[in-house]
Amino acid sequence: MSASTPRTAATLAATLLTATVALYIALVAFGNITDFGTNQQFVQHVLAMDTTFKDDDLMWRAVTGKGLQDAVYVVIIVWETVAALVLVYGTWLWVRRDDGRARRVSTYGLLMLMVLFGAGFIAVGGEWFAMWQSKDWNGLEAATRVFLLSGVVLVVVQLTGERSAT
């Protein structure tokens, strides 16, 4: 698109919402990097399943090795950081009015977050590691919030696509 093309409301919404999610996840990643220990404890407790009901039929799933727990946490941080960078780039493309590439890049970044928070935290953390059972280390509400926010923004981003005549 040329710079003289007027912005549609959907494109403006996609730009601002992509920027909002980019800022949010960048702050999350920055916090996890600069305050490594706080959420490291969260990941350790969820994987160790030490605050769940300790049902013998589930406890075999627990991961208690500190090295593996830390590796999982580092992978989460790297994933968040890459998603933030992808969304910042998507925002930059929206601002430059390169709408096709912006839509594609923003979609990748938003899907990265939906996979991390949906599959990673809600499915694996919440169900496999029974995070829902913990009163102290239950991140399902926060994960659901990020998953839904990313999904809503993804829908808005997709609404900016060109419509074919049918």
Protein backbone atom coordinates (compact mmCIF):
# COMPACT_ATOMS: atom_id res chain seq x y z
CA MET A 1 0.00 0.00 0.00
CA SER A 2 1.22 3.49 -0.68
CA ALA A 3 1.71 5.99 2.12
CA SER A 4 -1.05 8.19 0.68
CA THR A 5 -3.74 5.53 1.05
CA PRO A 6 -6.07 6.45 3.92
CA ARG A 7 -6.14 4.13 6.90
CA THR A 8 -9.28 2.16 7.55
CA ALA A 9 -10.64 1.78 11.06
CA ALA A 10 -9.79 -1.95 10.96
CA THR A 11 -6.20 -1.22 9.96
CA LEU A 12 -5.83 1.37 12.70
CA ALA A 13 -7.29 -1.11 15.19
CA ALA A 14 -4.92 -3.84 14.01
CA THR A 15 -1.97 -1.47 14.34
CA LEU A 16 -2.82 -0.31 17.85
CA LEU A 17 -3.84 -3.74 19.14
CA THR A 18 -0.74 -5.42 17.73
CA ALA A 19 1.35 -2.70 19.38
CA THR A 20 -0.49 -3.25 22.67
CA VAL A 21 0.16 -7.00 22.68
CA ALA A 22 3.77 -6.40 21.59
CA LEU A 23 4.28 -4.01 24.52
CA TYR A 24 2.62 -6.40 26.95
CA ILE A 25 4.60 -9.48 25.99
CA ALA A 26 7.85 -7.46 25.78
CA LEU A 27 7.25 -6.34 29.38
CA VAL A 28 6.49 -9.93 30.40
CA ALA A 29 9.72 -11.17 28.81
CA PHE A 30 11.71 -8.26 30.27
CA GLY A 31 10.30 -9.01 33.72
CA ASN A 32 11.16 -12.69 33.41
CA ILE A 33 14.71 -11.83 32.36
CA THR A 34 15.38 -9.13 34.97
CA ASP A 35 13.53 -10.91 37.81
CA PHE A 36 14.41 -14.44 36.79
CA GLY A 37 13.74 -16.06 40.15
CA THR A 38 10.11 -15.10 40.66
CA ASN A 39 8.56 -16.95 37.75
CA GLN A 40 11.30 -19.57 37.88
CA GLN A 41 9.71 -20.64 41.18
CA PHE A 42 6.32 -20.72 39.47
CA VAL A 43 7.60 -23.05 36.73
CA GLN A 44 9.42 -25.23 39.27
CA HIS A 45 6.31 -25.69 41.44
CA VAL A 46 4.02 -26.38 38.49
CA LEU A 47 6.38 -28.96 36.99
CA ALA A 48 7.12 -30.56 40.39
CA MET A 49 3.37 -30.71 41.14
CA ASP A 50 4.27 -30.15 44.79
CA THR A 51 1.22 -28.01 45.57
CA THR A 52 -1.38 -30.23 43.87
CA PHE A 53 -3.57 -32.86 45.50
CA LYS A 54 -0.64 -35.32 45.14
CA ASP A 55 -2.84 -38.02 43.63
CA ASP A 56 -0.68 -41.12 43.05
CA ASP A 57 -2.31 -41.59 39.64
CA LEU A 58 -0.96 -38.18 38.54
CA MET A 59 2.29 -37.65 40.43
CA TRP A 60 4.30 -39.79 38.02
CA ARG A 61 4.01 -36.80 35.66
CA ALA A 62 5.99 -34.54 37.99
CA VAL A 63 9.31 -33.15 36.75
CA THR A 64 11.57 -32.56 39.73
CA GLY A 65 14.97 -32.12 38.11
CA LYS A 66 16.08 -28.50 38.59
CA GLY A 67 18.06 -28.51 35.36
CA LEU A 68 15.07 -29.57 33.28
CA GLN A 69 12.79 -27.13 35.12
CA ASP A 70 15.21 -24.28 34.42
CA ALA A 71 15.54 -25.34 30.77
CA VAL A 72 11.76 -25.22 30.38
CA TYR A 73 11.70 -21.75 31.94
CA VAL A 74 14.46 -20.49 29.62
CA VAL A 75 12.58 -21.86 26.60
CA ILE A 76 9.47 -19.99 27.77
CA ILE A 77 11.43 -16.75 28.09
CA VAL A 78 13.04 -17.17 24.67
CA TRP A 79 9.62 -17.92 23.12
CA GLU A 80 8.11 -14.81 24.75
CA THR A 81 11.03 -12.67 23.62
CA VAL A 82 10.84 -13.88 20.02
CA ALA A 83 7.06 -13.37 19.99
CA ALA A 84 7.54 -9.82 21.30
CA LEU A 85 10.11 -9.07 18.60
CA VAL A 86 7.85 -10.50 15.90
CA LEU A 87 4.95 -8.36 17.13
CA VAL A 88 7.12 -5.23 17.33
CA TYR A 89 8.14 -5.89 13.73
CA GLY A 90 4.50 -6.44 12.80
CA THR A 91 3.61 -3.12 14.43
CA TRP A 92 6.38 -1.39 12.49
CA LEU A 93 5.02 -2.87 9.26
CA TRP A 94 1.50 -1.65 10.12
CA VAL A 95 2.87 1.85 10.75
CA ARG A 96 4.73 1.74 7.42
CA ARG A 97 1.45 0.70 5.75
CA ASP A 98 2.82 -2.58 4.47
CA ASP A 99 -0.48 -4.17 5.39
CA GLY A 100 -0.03 -7.57 3.75
CA ARG A 101 3.29 -8.27 5.44
CA ALA A 102 2.06 -6.67 8.67
CA ARG A 103 -0.93 -9.01 8.73
CA ARG A 104 1.25 -12.06 8.09
CA VAL A 105 3.93 -11.14 10.65
CA SER A 106 1.37 -10.11 13.28
CA THR A 107 -0.45 -13.39 12.73
CA TYR A 108 2.76 -15.33 13.38
CA GLY A 109 3.46 -13.43 16.60
CA LEU A 110 -0.09 -13.76 17.89
CA LEU A 111 -0.16 -17.47 17.08
CA MET A 112 3.13 -17.88 18.96
CA LEU A 113 1.44 -16.45 22.04
CA MET A 114 -1.67 -18.56 21.58
CA VAL A 115 0.45 -21.71 21.32
CA LEU A 116 2.53 -20.78 24.39
CA PHE A 117 -0.37 -19.78 26.60
CA GLY A 118 -2.98 -22.18 25.16
CA ALA A 119 -1.00 -25.35 24.58
CA GLY A 120 1.83 -24.61 27.01
CA PHE A 121 0.16 -23.11 30.05
CA ILE A 122 -3.52 -24.05 29.77
CA ALA A 123 -3.19 -27.56 28.32
CA VAL A 124 0.20 -28.81 29.53
CA GLY A 125 0.53 -26.79 32.73
CA GLY A 126 -3.13 -26.74 33.64
CA GLU A 127 -4.10 -30.29 32.77
CA TRP A 128 -0.98 -32.45 32.42
CA PHE A 129 0.71 -30.97 35.49
CA ALA A 130 -2.64 -30.35 37.25
CA MET A 131 -1.88 -26.67 37.87
CA TRP A 132 -5.62 -26.13 38.40
CA GLN A 133 -5.29 -28.01 41.70
CA SER A 134 -2.81 -25.54 43.19
CA LYS A 135 -4.01 -22.65 45.32
CA ASP A 136 -0.55 -21.04 45.28
CA TRP A 137 0.81 -21.70 41.77
CA ASN A 138 -2.21 -21.59 39.47
CA GLY A 139 -1.60 -19.46 36.38
CA LEU A 140 -4.67 -20.52 34.42
CA GLU A 141 -6.49 -17.19 34.75
CA ALA A 142 -3.49 -15.21 33.50
CA ALA A 143 -2.83 -17.69 30.69
CA THR A 144 -6.47 -17.58 29.61
CA ARG A 145 -6.37 -13.78 29.60
CA VAL A 146 -3.34 -13.70 27.28
CA PHE A 147 -4.76 -16.46 25.09
CA LEU A 148 -8.07 -14.63 24.65
CA LEU A 149 -6.44 -11.22 24.14
CA SER A 150 -4.20 -12.67 21.45
CA GLY A 151 -7.16 -14.39 19.81
CA VAL A 152 -9.25 -11.22 19.70
CA VAL A 153 -6.35 -9.26 18.21
CA LEU A 154 -5.79 -12.06 15.69
CA VAL A 155 -9.41 -11.74 14.55
CA VAL A 156 -9.02 -7.96 14.15
CA VAL A 157 -5.77 -8.45 12.22
CA GLN A 158 -7.49 -10.92 9.89
CA LEU A 159 -10.37 -8.50 9.31
CA THR A 160 -7.93 -6.17 7.54
CA GLY A 161 -7.48 -8.66 4.71
CA GLU A 162 -8.64 -7.84 1.22
CA ARG A 163 -12.04 -9.23 0.39
CA SER A 164 -12.43 -11.17 -2.83
CA ALA A 165 -15.48 -10.49 -4.97
CA THR A 166 -17.86 -13.44 -4.91
